[in-house]
Amino acid sequence: MYFGAKPMTTFASICMVVLREIRIANGYSLEALSDRLNIKSQEWHSMETGGRDLQFETFVRACHQLNTKPAQVICLSERYAEILAALGWDILYNRITKGNDNLLESAKGYWASPGGSGCFRDMPIWQDPTLIFNGPSLVAPVFRYALYPWYKDSQDNPPTLQLNLSPLGLSDGQTDADANTID
């Protein structure tokens, strides 16, 4: 996925991804949260996607608006940083050039994917992530998307469902008597 180079991200990016997932889990749109923070929605979007630095005061205010403690977000982000590092990622504690942050780039792909743009998350962001060395780690979907190519593919190319909404599940032109016939 990263062509031999170690993937990298920053601790600030991990915090921002966690914060965005909390925003989504709490049902806040980007516009609603930015309005509550008294900042332009484009400004908040730029922070969520790594275009602007998230200032500490804004981080604390966002946590307050999302009914969570900043310490909880930081602790959860530390846990994700540990897991990413254990799986070969470089975690930096300074700013990196836009476009070189593998987690943010992957998260943007996840949020734009058919699987990631819906409201369903099979593991809530608040659930404690678990590192598993001989199998897929138990992490929130946005992190799973960055870690596992098979999961990324499943979110980018979800299977299509074919629903049969005809009465009794009959196909077009099939009658009730045909459905009871055994070949």
Protein backbone atom coordinates (compact mmCIF):
# COMPACT_ATOMS: atom_id res chain seq x y z
CA MET A 1 0.00 0.00 0.00
CA TYR A 2 2.89 2.38 0.71
CA PHE A 3 5.42 0.81 -1.71
CA GLY A 4 8.07 -0.16 0.83
CA ALA A 5 8.23 3.14 2.68
CA LYS A 6 6.93 3.22 6.22
CA PRO A 7 3.57 4.96 6.42
CA MET A 8 3.55 8.03 8.64
CA THR A 9 1.18 10.33 10.42
CA THR A 10 1.22 12.85 13.23
CA PHE A 11 -0.27 12.64 16.68
CA ALA A 12 -2.30 15.77 15.85
CA SER A 13 -3.75 13.96 12.81
CA ILE A 14 -4.74 10.98 14.94
CA CYS A 15 -6.50 13.36 17.36
CA MET A 16 -8.30 15.06 14.48
CA VAL A 17 -9.46 11.75 12.99
CA VAL A 18 -10.75 10.64 16.40
CA LEU A 19 -12.49 14.01 16.87
CA ARG A 20 -14.16 13.80 13.46
CA GLU A 21 -15.36 10.26 14.18
CA ILE A 22 -16.81 11.52 17.49
CA ARG A 23 -18.55 14.34 15.61
CA ILE A 24 -20.08 11.80 13.21
CA ALA A 25 -21.05 9.42 16.04
CA ASN A 26 -22.76 12.27 17.88
CA GLY A 27 -24.76 13.19 14.77
CA TYR A 28 -23.20 16.61 14.21
CA SER A 29 -22.75 17.85 10.68
CA LEU A 30 -19.62 19.80 9.90
CA GLU A 31 -21.75 22.93 9.56
CA ALA A 32 -23.52 22.41 12.90
CA LEU A 33 -20.29 21.97 14.83
CA SER A 34 -18.51 24.86 13.14
CA ASP A 35 -21.55 27.06 13.87
CA ARG A 36 -21.39 26.09 17.56
CA LEU A 37 -17.66 26.87 17.55
CA ASN A 38 -18.35 30.22 15.85
CA ILE A 39 -15.98 29.49 12.98
CA LYS A 40 -16.59 29.11 9.24
CA SER A 41 -17.42 25.59 8.11
CA GLN A 42 -14.62 25.78 5.51
CA GLU A 43 -12.19 26.55 8.33
CA TRP A 44 -13.29 23.51 10.36
CA HIS A 45 -13.24 21.32 7.25
CA SER A 46 -9.68 22.46 6.57
CA MET A 47 -8.72 21.46 10.12
CA GLU A 48 -10.40 18.04 9.78
CA THR A 49 -8.55 17.33 6.55
CA GLY A 50 -5.14 18.61 7.61
CA GLY A 51 -5.11 21.87 5.70
CA ARG A 52 -4.93 23.92 8.89
CA ASP A 53 -3.55 23.24 12.32
CA LEU A 54 -6.09 22.63 15.07
CA GLN A 55 -5.35 25.12 17.81
CA PHE A 56 -5.57 23.80 21.37
CA GLU A 57 -8.31 26.25 22.35
CA THR A 58 -10.41 25.16 19.36
CA PHE A 59 -9.76 21.50 20.24
CA VAL A 60 -11.00 22.05 23.80
CA ARG A 61 -14.08 23.96 22.60
CA ALA A 62 -14.87 21.24 20.04
CA CYS A 63 -14.59 18.54 22.69
CA HIS A 64 -16.93 20.52 24.94
CA GLN A 65 -19.48 20.91 22.12
CA LEU A 66 -19.26 17.17 21.43
CA ASN A 67 -19.84 16.37 25.13
CA THR A 68 -16.48 14.73 25.60
CA LYS A 69 -13.41 15.50 27.63
CA PRO A 70 -10.23 16.53 25.81
CA ALA A 71 -8.32 14.00 27.94
CA GLN A 72 -10.52 11.18 26.59
CA VAL A 73 -9.75 12.16 23.01
CA ILE A 74 -6.03 12.41 23.78
CA CYS A 75 -5.96 9.04 25.61
CA LEU A 76 -7.81 7.31 22.79
CA SER A 77 -5.47 8.93 20.28
CA GLU A 78 -2.47 7.69 22.28
CA ARG A 79 -3.86 4.16 22.08
CA TYR A 80 -4.26 4.44 18.29
CA ALA A 81 -0.72 5.88 18.03
CA GLU A 82 0.60 2.83 19.92
CA ILE A 83 -1.22 0.44 17.60
CA LEU A 84 -0.12 2.24 14.44
CA ALA A 85 3.50 2.30 15.67
CA ALA A 86 3.37 -1.40 16.56
CA LEU A 87 2.16 -2.12 13.01
CA GLY A 88 5.07 -0.24 11.44
CA TRP A 89 3.89 3.35 11.19
CA ASP A 90 6.04 6.36 12.06
CA ILE A 91 4.19 8.66 14.47
CA LEU A 92 5.52 12.20 14.31
CA TYR A 93 4.95 14.95 16.81
CA ASN A 94 5.55 17.82 14.41
CA ARG A 95 3.86 19.04 11.26
CA ILE A 96 4.50 17.21 7.98
CA THR A 97 3.91 18.38 4.44
CA LYS A 98 0.29 18.19 3.30
CA GLY A 99 -0.25 15.05 1.27
CA ASN A 100 2.47 13.10 3.11
CA ASP A 101 0.30 12.19 6.09
CA ASN A 102 -0.78 8.67 5.23
CA LEU A 103 -3.48 8.52 7.91
CA LEU A 104 -5.16 11.75 6.85
CA GLU A 105 -5.01 10.79 3.18
CA SER A 106 -6.45 7.37 3.97
CA ALA A 107 -9.13 8.85 6.25
CA LYS A 108 -10.23 11.21 3.46
CA GLY A 109 -10.52 8.18 1.18
CA TYR A 110 -12.54 6.32 3.80
CA TRP A 111 -14.92 9.22 4.41
CA ALA A 112 -15.49 9.55 0.65
CA SER A 113 -15.97 5.80 0.08
CA PRO A 114 -19.43 4.22 -0.15
CA GLY A 115 -18.72 2.31 3.06
CA GLY A 116 -17.32 5.28 4.96
CA SER A 117 -19.82 7.91 3.93
CA GLY A 118 -22.72 6.15 5.65
CA CYS A 119 -23.63 6.49 9.29
CA PHE A 120 -23.04 2.81 10.17
CA ARG A 121 -19.81 2.05 12.01
CA ASP A 122 -19.33 -1.58 13.09
CA MET A 123 -17.01 -0.51 15.91
CA PRO A 124 -17.73 2.75 17.70
CA ILE A 125 -14.83 5.18 17.98
CA TRP A 126 -15.13 5.03 21.77
CA GLN A 127 -14.49 1.29 21.96
CA ASP A 128 -10.94 0.63 23.16
CA PRO A 129 -8.84 -0.47 20.18
CA THR A 130 -6.99 -3.76 20.56
CA LEU A 131 -3.75 -4.74 18.88
CA ILE A 132 -3.71 -8.29 17.49
CA PHE A 133 -0.42 -9.35 15.89
CA ASN A 134 -1.59 -12.50 14.11
CA GLY A 135 -4.80 -11.05 12.70
CA PRO A 136 -6.61 -7.81 12.06
CA SER A 137 -6.51 -5.51 15.05
CA LEU A 138 -9.81 -4.40 16.56
CA VAL A 139 -9.89 -0.75 15.56
CA ALA A 140 -12.49 1.74 14.37
CA PRO A 141 -13.28 1.47 10.65
CA VAL A 142 -11.44 4.67 9.68
CA PHE A 143 -8.21 3.20 11.12
CA ARG A 144 -8.95 -0.27 9.69
CA TYR A 145 -9.22 1.38 6.26
CA ALA A 146 -5.68 2.78 6.66
CA LEU A 147 -4.22 -0.48 7.98
CA TYR A 148 -5.72 -3.25 5.87
CA PRO A 149 -5.94 -3.22 2.04
CA TRP A 150 -8.68 -5.91 2.09
CA TYR A 151 -10.87 -3.66 4.28
CA LYS A 152 -10.16 -0.62 2.12
CA ASP A 153 -11.25 -2.61 -0.95
CA SER A 154 -14.45 -3.75 0.81
CA GLN A 155 -15.35 -0.14 1.60
CA ASP A 156 -14.43 1.23 -1.81
CA ASN A 157 -16.25 -1.57 -3.64
CA PRO A 158 -19.12 -2.79 -1.44
CA PRO A 159 -21.19 -5.65 -2.80
CA THR A 160 -24.46 -4.64 -4.41
CA LEU A 161 -27.60 -5.92 -2.80
CA GLN A 162 -30.47 -7.12 -4.93
CA LEU A 163 -33.73 -6.79 -3.10
CA ASN A 164 -36.80 -8.62 -4.32
CA LEU A 165 -39.71 -6.49 -3.19
CA SER A 166 -42.42 -8.48 -4.98
CA PRO A 167 -45.05 -10.18 -2.80
CA LEU A 168 -43.88 -13.55 -1.45
CA GLY A 169 -40.48 -13.04 -3.04
CA LEU A 170 -41.71 -14.07 -6.49
CA SER A 171 -39.71 -13.10 -9.55
CA ASP A 172 -41.30 -11.17 -12.41
CA GLY A 173 -43.92 -13.26 -14.16
CA GLN A 174 -43.84 -16.04 -11.55
CA THR A 175 -47.17 -16.96 -9.96
CA ASP A 176 -47.88 -18.27 -6.51
CA ALA A 177 -48.54 -21.74 -8.00
CA ASP A 178 -45.17 -21.67 -9.84
CA ALA A 179 -43.37 -20.92 -6.58
CA ASN A 180 -44.79 -24.05 -4.95
CA THR A 181 -43.78 -26.35 -7.84
CA ILE A 182 -40.83 -28.65 -7.18
CA ASP A 183 -38.68 -29.53 -10.20
